[in-house]
Amino acid sequence: MNPIGLTLGETPTLSDETAVDMLAFLYEFIDAFEQAYGMQIERYEQYCAQQPDLFENFEDDIPF
């Protein structure tokens, strides 16, 4: 799995209260997502940890 870096471009102006409410919603969403898919996520992470690193001994000395 490749983590995707997320950056926000132009963001709308939010009130302080709305920003706090949005953050609370996102935390609750993540919690619900982990409750629903946590076993699958853990299984996939264990699978990835068991895979050999194909580039472990790779030397990137390509001269260009």
PDB file of N, CA and C in Angstrom:
ATOM      1  N   MET A   1       0.851  -1.172   0.000  1.00  0.00           N
ATOM      2  CA  MET A   1       0.000   0.000   0.000  1.00  0.00           C
ATOM      3  C   MET A   1       0.892   1.229   0.000  1.00  0.00           C
ATOM      4  N   ASN A   2       0.601   2.136  -0.876  1.00  0.00           N
ATOM      5  CA  ASN A   2       1.341   3.390  -0.942  1.00  0.00           C
ATOM      6  C   ASN A   2       0.505   4.498  -0.326  1.00  0.00           C
ATOM      7  N   PRO A   3       0.987   5.070   0.759  1.00  0.00           N
ATOM      8  CA  PRO A   3       0.232   6.172   1.351  1.00  0.00           C
ATOM      9  C   PRO A   3       0.161   7.342   0.376  1.00  0.00           C
ATOM     10  N   ILE A   4      -0.975   7.929   0.312  1.00  0.00           N
ATOM     11  CA  ILE A   4      -1.183   9.056  -0.592  1.00  0.00           C
ATOM     12  C   ILE A   4      -1.089  10.335   0.218  1.00  0.00           C
ATOM     13  N   GLY A   5      -0.203  11.222  -0.199  1.00  0.00           N
ATOM     14  CA  GLY A   5      -0.108  12.515   0.465  1.00  0.00           C
ATOM     15  C   GLY A   5      -1.250  13.400   0.004  1.00  0.00           C
ATOM     16  N   LEU A   6      -1.981  13.922   0.927  1.00  0.00           N
ATOM     17  CA  LEU A   6      -3.129  14.753   0.598  1.00  0.00           C
ATOM     18  C   LEU A   6      -2.838  16.182   0.985  1.00  0.00           C
ATOM     19  N   THR A   7      -2.967  17.058   0.028  1.00  0.00           N
ATOM     20  CA  THR A   7      -2.836  18.480   0.330  1.00  0.00           C
ATOM     21  C   THR A   7      -4.114  19.172  -0.119  1.00  0.00           C
ATOM     22  N   LEU A   8      -4.506  20.146   0.639  1.00  0.00           N
ATOM     23  CA  LEU A   8      -5.696  20.910   0.288  1.00  0.00           C
ATOM     24  C   LEU A   8      -5.263  22.137  -0.486  1.00  0.00           C
ATOM     25  N   GLY A   9      -5.875  22.334  -1.606  1.00  0.00           N
ATOM     26  CA  GLY A   9      -5.571  23.511  -2.405  1.00  0.00           C
ATOM     27  C   GLY A   9      -6.200  24.739  -1.765  1.00  0.00           C
ATOM     28  N   GLU A  10      -7.027  25.401  -2.504  1.00  0.00           N
ATOM     29  CA  GLU A  10      -7.746  26.545  -1.942  1.00  0.00           C
ATOM     30  C   GLU A  10      -8.832  26.028  -1.022  1.00  0.00           C
ATOM     31  N   THR A  11      -8.792  26.461   0.196  1.00  0.00           N
ATOM     32  CA  THR A  11      -9.784  26.003   1.168  1.00  0.00           C
ATOM     33  C   THR A  11     -10.734  27.144   1.508  1.00  0.00           C
ATOM     34  N   PRO A  12     -11.986  26.810   1.720  1.00  0.00           N
ATOM     35  CA  PRO A  12     -12.927  27.857   2.102  1.00  0.00           C
ATOM     36  C   PRO A  12     -12.652  28.345   3.524  1.00  0.00           C
ATOM     37  N   THR A  13     -13.019  29.542   3.784  1.00  0.00           N
ATOM     38  CA  THR A  13     -12.888  30.080   5.131  1.00  0.00           C
ATOM     39  C   THR A  13     -13.978  29.471   6.011  1.00  0.00           C
ATOM     40  N   LEU A  14     -13.569  28.945   7.154  1.00  0.00           N
ATOM     41  CA  LEU A  14     -14.514  28.357   8.100  1.00  0.00           C
ATOM     42  C   LEU A  14     -14.441  29.118   9.412  1.00  0.00           C
ATOM     43  N   SER A  15     -15.565  29.146  10.093  1.00  0.00           N
ATOM     44  CA  SER A  15     -15.538  29.706  11.442  1.00  0.00           C
ATOM     45  C   SER A  15     -14.783  28.731  12.337  1.00  0.00           C
ATOM     46  N   ASP A  16     -14.326  29.202  13.484  1.00  0.00           N
ATOM     47  CA  ASP A  16     -13.630  28.334  14.429  1.00  0.00           C
ATOM     48  C   ASP A  16     -14.512  27.154  14.829  1.00  0.00           C
ATOM     49  N   GLU A  17     -15.779  27.443  15.103  1.00  0.00           N
ATOM     50  CA  GLU A  17     -16.701  26.388  15.523  1.00  0.00           C
ATOM     51  C   GLU A  17     -16.887  25.342  14.424  1.00  0.00           C
ATOM     52  N   THR A  18     -17.015  25.784  13.182  1.00  0.00           N
ATOM     53  CA  THR A  18     -17.186  24.852  12.068  1.00  0.00           C
ATOM     54  C   THR A  18     -15.946  23.997  11.886  1.00  0.00           C
ATOM     55  N   ALA A  19     -14.752  24.588  12.030  1.00  0.00           N
ATOM     56  CA  ALA A  19     -13.515  23.818  11.913  1.00  0.00           C
ATOM     57  C   ALA A  19     -13.456  22.735  12.990  1.00  0.00           C
ATOM     58  N   VAL A  20     -13.824  23.074  14.208  1.00  0.00           N
ATOM     59  CA  VAL A  20     -13.837  22.095  15.311  1.00  0.00           C
ATOM     60  C   VAL A  20     -14.875  21.014  15.043  1.00  0.00           C
ATOM     61  N   ASP A  21     -16.053  21.403  14.560  1.00  0.00           N
ATOM     62  CA  ASP A  21     -17.104  20.428  14.253  1.00  0.00           C
ATOM     63  C   ASP A  21     -16.667  19.474  13.138  1.00  0.00           C
ATOM     64  N   MET A  22     -16.009  20.002  12.109  1.00  0.00           N
ATOM     65  CA  MET A  22     -15.520  19.166  11.006  1.00  0.00           C
ATOM     66  C   MET A  22     -14.479  18.172  11.509  1.00  0.00           C
ATOM     67  N   LEU A  23     -13.573  18.632  12.353  1.00  0.00           N
ATOM     68  CA  LEU A  23     -12.555  17.755  12.895  1.00  0.00           C
ATOM     69  C   LEU A  23     -13.184  16.643  13.728  1.00  0.00           C
ATOM     70  N   ALA A  24     -14.150  16.975  14.551  1.00  0.00           N
ATOM     71  CA  ALA A  24     -14.842  15.977  15.361  1.00  0.00           C
ATOM     72  C   ALA A  24     -15.536  14.952  14.463  1.00  0.00           C
ATOM     73  N   PHE A  25     -16.166  15.424  13.391  1.00  0.00           N
ATOM     74  CA  PHE A  25     -16.815  14.521  12.444  1.00  0.00           C
ATOM     75  C   PHE A  25     -15.793  13.572  11.817  1.00  0.00           C
ATOM     76  N   LEU A  26     -14.655  14.113  11.392  1.00  0.00           N
ATOM     77  CA  LEU A  26     -13.634  13.279  10.755  1.00  0.00           C
ATOM     78  C   LEU A  26     -13.092  12.224  11.714  1.00  0.00           C
ATOM     79  N   TYR A  27     -12.871  12.600  12.982  1.00  0.00           N
ATOM     80  CA  TYR A  27     -12.421  11.629  13.970  1.00  0.00           C
ATOM     81  C   TYR A  27     -13.475  10.529  14.157  1.00  0.00           C
ATOM     82  N   GLU A  28     -14.726  10.902  14.225  1.00  0.00           N
ATOM     83  CA  GLU A  28     -15.790   9.908  14.385  1.00  0.00           C
ATOM     84  C   GLU A  28     -15.901   9.020  13.152  1.00  0.00           C
ATOM     85  N   PHE A  29     -15.724   9.617  11.976  1.00  0.00           N
ATOM     86  CA  PHE A  29     -15.764   8.838  10.740  1.00  0.00           C
ATOM     87  C   PHE A  29     -14.637   7.811  10.717  1.00  0.00           C
ATOM     88  N   ILE A  30     -13.410   8.235  11.070  1.00  0.00           N
ATOM     89  CA  ILE A  30     -12.273   7.317  11.100  1.00  0.00           C
ATOM     90  C   ILE A  30     -12.524   6.190  12.096  1.00  0.00           C
ATOM     91  N   ASP A  31     -13.056   6.534  13.252  1.00  0.00           N
ATOM     92  CA  ASP A  31     -13.353   5.520  14.260  1.00  0.00           C
ATOM     93  C   ASP A  31     -14.363   4.507  13.723  1.00  0.00           C
ATOM     94  N   ALA A  32     -15.433   4.984  13.090  1.00  0.00           N
ATOM     95  CA  ALA A  32     -16.448   4.086  12.532  1.00  0.00           C
ATOM     96  C   ALA A  32     -15.856   3.229  11.412  1.00  0.00           C
ATOM     97  N   PHE A  33     -14.990   3.827  10.599  1.00  0.00           N
ATOM     98  CA  PHE A  33     -14.344   3.096   9.507  1.00  0.00           C
ATOM     99  C   PHE A  33     -13.459   1.980  10.063  1.00  0.00           C
ATOM    100  N   GLU A  34     -12.690   2.291  11.109  1.00  0.00           N
ATOM    101  CA  GLU A  34     -11.832   1.277  11.725  1.00  0.00           C
ATOM    102  C   GLU A  34     -12.658   0.178  12.382  1.00  0.00           C
ATOM    103  N   GLN A  35     -13.794   0.535  12.963  1.00  0.00           N
ATOM    104  CA  GLN A  35     -14.675  -0.470  13.558  1.00  0.00           C
ATOM    105  C   GLN A  35     -15.192  -1.423  12.480  1.00  0.00           C
ATOM    106  N   ALA A  36     -15.533  -0.882  11.321  1.00  0.00           N
ATOM    107  CA  ALA A  36     -16.112  -1.686  10.252  1.00  0.00           C
ATOM    108  C   ALA A  36     -15.057  -2.501   9.493  1.00  0.00           C
ATOM    109  N   TYR A  37     -13.877  -1.931   9.283  1.00  0.00           N
ATOM    110  CA  TYR A  37     -12.875  -2.563   8.421  1.00  0.00           C
ATOM    111  C   TYR A  37     -11.563  -2.884   9.130  1.00  0.00           C
ATOM    112  N   GLY A  38     -11.524  -2.751  10.443  1.00  0.00           N
ATOM    113  CA  GLY A  38     -10.283  -2.940  11.191  1.00  0.00           C
ATOM    114  C   GLY A  38      -9.644  -4.302  10.999  1.00  0.00           C
ATOM    115  N   MET A  39     -10.455  -5.356  10.994  1.00  0.00           N
ATOM    116  CA  MET A  39      -9.895  -6.701  10.823  1.00  0.00           C
ATOM    117  C   MET A  39      -9.260  -6.852   9.451  1.00  0.00           C
ATOM    118  N   GLN A  40      -9.888  -6.297   8.425  1.00  0.00           N
ATOM    119  CA  GLN A  40      -9.332  -6.378   7.077  1.00  0.00           C
ATOM    120  C   GLN A  40      -8.040  -5.565   6.980  1.00  0.00           C
ATOM    121  N   ILE A  41      -8.029  -4.401   7.581  1.00  0.00           N
ATOM    122  CA  ILE A  41      -6.838  -3.557   7.560  1.00  0.00           C
ATOM    123  C   ILE A  41      -5.685  -4.265   8.259  1.00  0.00           C
ATOM    124  N   GLU A  42      -5.949  -4.839   9.413  1.00  0.00           N
ATOM    125  CA  GLU A  42      -4.913  -5.555  10.156  1.00  0.00           C
ATOM    126  C   GLU A  42      -4.401  -6.753   9.361  1.00  0.00           C
ATOM    127  N   ARG A  43      -5.323  -7.495   8.742  1.00  0.00           N
ATOM    128  CA  ARG A  43      -4.930  -8.658   7.941  1.00  0.00           C
ATOM    129  C   ARG A  43      -4.038  -8.237   6.783  1.00  0.00           C
ATOM    130  N   TYR A  44      -4.385  -7.153   6.119  1.00  0.00           N
ATOM    131  CA  TYR A  44      -3.585  -6.671   4.991  1.00  0.00           C
ATOM    132  C   TYR A  44      -2.210  -6.188   5.444  1.00  0.00           C
ATOM    133  N   GLU A  45      -2.144  -5.492   6.569  1.00  0.00           N
ATOM    134  CA  GLU A  45      -0.863  -5.017   7.086  1.00  0.00           C
ATOM    135  C   GLU A  45       0.037  -6.183   7.470  1.00  0.00           C
ATOM    136  N   GLN A  46      -0.530  -7.251   8.046  1.00  0.00           N
ATOM    137  CA  GLN A  46       0.256  -8.440   8.379  1.00  0.00           C
ATOM    138  C   GLN A  46       0.760  -9.117   7.103  1.00  0.00           C
ATOM    139  N   TYR A  47      -0.095  -9.176   6.089  1.00  0.00           N
ATOM    140  CA  TYR A  47       0.297  -9.756   4.808  1.00  0.00           C
ATOM    141  C   TYR A  47       1.471  -8.978   4.207  1.00  0.00           C
ATOM    142  N   CYS A  48       1.379  -7.659   4.217  1.00  0.00           N
ATOM    143  CA  CYS A  48       2.444  -6.829   3.644  1.00  0.00           C
ATOM    144  C   CYS A  48       3.744  -6.975   4.426  1.00  0.00           C
ATOM    145  N   ALA A  49       3.657  -7.125   5.731  1.00  0.00           N
ATOM    146  CA  ALA A  49       4.852  -7.263   6.564  1.00  0.00           C
ATOM    147  C   ALA A  49       5.573  -8.581   6.278  1.00  0.00           C
ATOM    148  N   GLN A  50       4.859  -9.577   5.793  1.00  0.00           N
ATOM    149  CA  GLN A  50       5.453 -10.882   5.517  1.00  0.00           C
ATOM    150  C   GLN A  50       6.077 -10.967   4.134  1.00  0.00           C
ATOM    151  N   GLN A  51       5.789  -9.994   3.267  1.00  0.00           N
ATOM    152  CA  GLN A  51       6.319 -10.030   1.911  1.00  0.00           C
ATOM    153  C   GLN A  51       7.787  -9.619   1.905  1.00  0.00           C
ATOM    154  N   PRO A  52       8.617 -10.306   1.111  1.00  0.00           N
ATOM    155  CA  PRO A  52      10.031  -9.930   1.064  1.00  0.00           C
ATOM    156  C   PRO A  52      10.205  -8.580   0.379  1.00  0.00           C
ATOM    157  N   ASP A  53      11.240  -7.870   0.788  1.00  0.00           N
ATOM    158  CA  ASP A  53      11.580  -6.588   0.173  1.00  0.00           C
ATOM    159  C   ASP A  53      12.429  -6.878  -1.054  1.00  0.00           C
ATOM    160  N   LEU A  54      11.849  -6.745  -2.235  1.00  0.00           N
ATOM    161  CA  LEU A  54      12.548  -7.077  -3.474  1.00  0.00           C
ATOM    162  C   LEU A  54      13.693  -6.117  -3.778  1.00  0.00           C
ATOM    163  N   PHE A  55      13.700  -4.954  -3.174  1.00  0.00           N
ATOM    164  CA  PHE A  55      14.723  -3.956  -3.445  1.00  0.00           C
ATOM    165  C   PHE A  55      15.722  -3.827  -2.295  1.00  0.00           C
ATOM    166  N   GLU A  56      15.734  -4.782  -1.385  1.00  0.00           N
ATOM    167  CA  GLU A  56      16.592  -4.708  -0.206  1.00  0.00           C
ATOM    168  C   GLU A  56      18.072  -4.576  -0.578  1.00  0.00           C
ATOM    169  N   ASN A  57      18.531  -5.348  -1.522  1.00  0.00           N
ATOM    170  CA  ASN A  57      19.938  -5.320  -1.916  1.00  0.00           C
ATOM    171  C   ASN A  57      20.158  -4.607  -3.251  1.00  0.00           C
ATOM    172  N   PHE A  58      19.215  -3.844  -3.683  1.00  0.00           N
ATOM    173  CA  PHE A  58      19.303  -3.145  -4.959  1.00  0.00           C
ATOM    174  C   PHE A  58      20.171  -1.896  -4.808  1.00  0.00           C
ATOM    175  N   GLU A  59      21.156  -1.782  -5.696  1.00  0.00           N
ATOM    176  CA  GLU A  59      22.011  -0.604  -5.678  1.00  0.00           C
ATOM    177  C   GLU A  59      21.636   0.266  -6.863  1.00  0.00           C
ATOM    178  N   ASP A  60      21.273   1.478  -6.601  1.00  0.00           N
ATOM    179  CA  ASP A  60      20.806   2.392  -7.644  1.00  0.00           C
ATOM    180  C   ASP A  60      21.964   3.289  -8.097  1.00  0.00           C
ATOM    181  N   ASP A  61      22.907   2.680  -8.805  1.00  0.00           N
ATOM    182  CA  ASP A  61      24.063   3.408  -9.314  1.00  0.00           C
ATOM    183  C   ASP A  61      23.985   3.602 -10.815  1.00  0.00           C
ATOM    184  N   ILE A  62      22.798   3.924 -11.292  1.00  0.00           N
ATOM    185  CA  ILE A  62      22.619   4.133 -12.734  1.00  0.00           C
ATOM    186  C   ILE A  62      23.140   5.530 -13.076  1.00  0.00           C
ATOM    187  N   PRO A  63      24.156   5.623 -13.948  1.00  0.00           N
ATOM    188  CA  PRO A  63      24.804   6.914 -14.213  1.00  0.00           C
ATOM    189  C   PRO A  63      24.077   7.768 -15.254  1.00  0.00           C
ATOM    190  N   PHE A  64      22.919   8.279 -14.916  1.00  0.00           N
ATOM    191  CA  PHE A  64      22.273   9.243 -15.804  1.00  0.00           C
ATOM    192  C   PHE A  64      21.374  10.133 -15.098  1.00  0.00           C
TER     193      PHE A  64
END
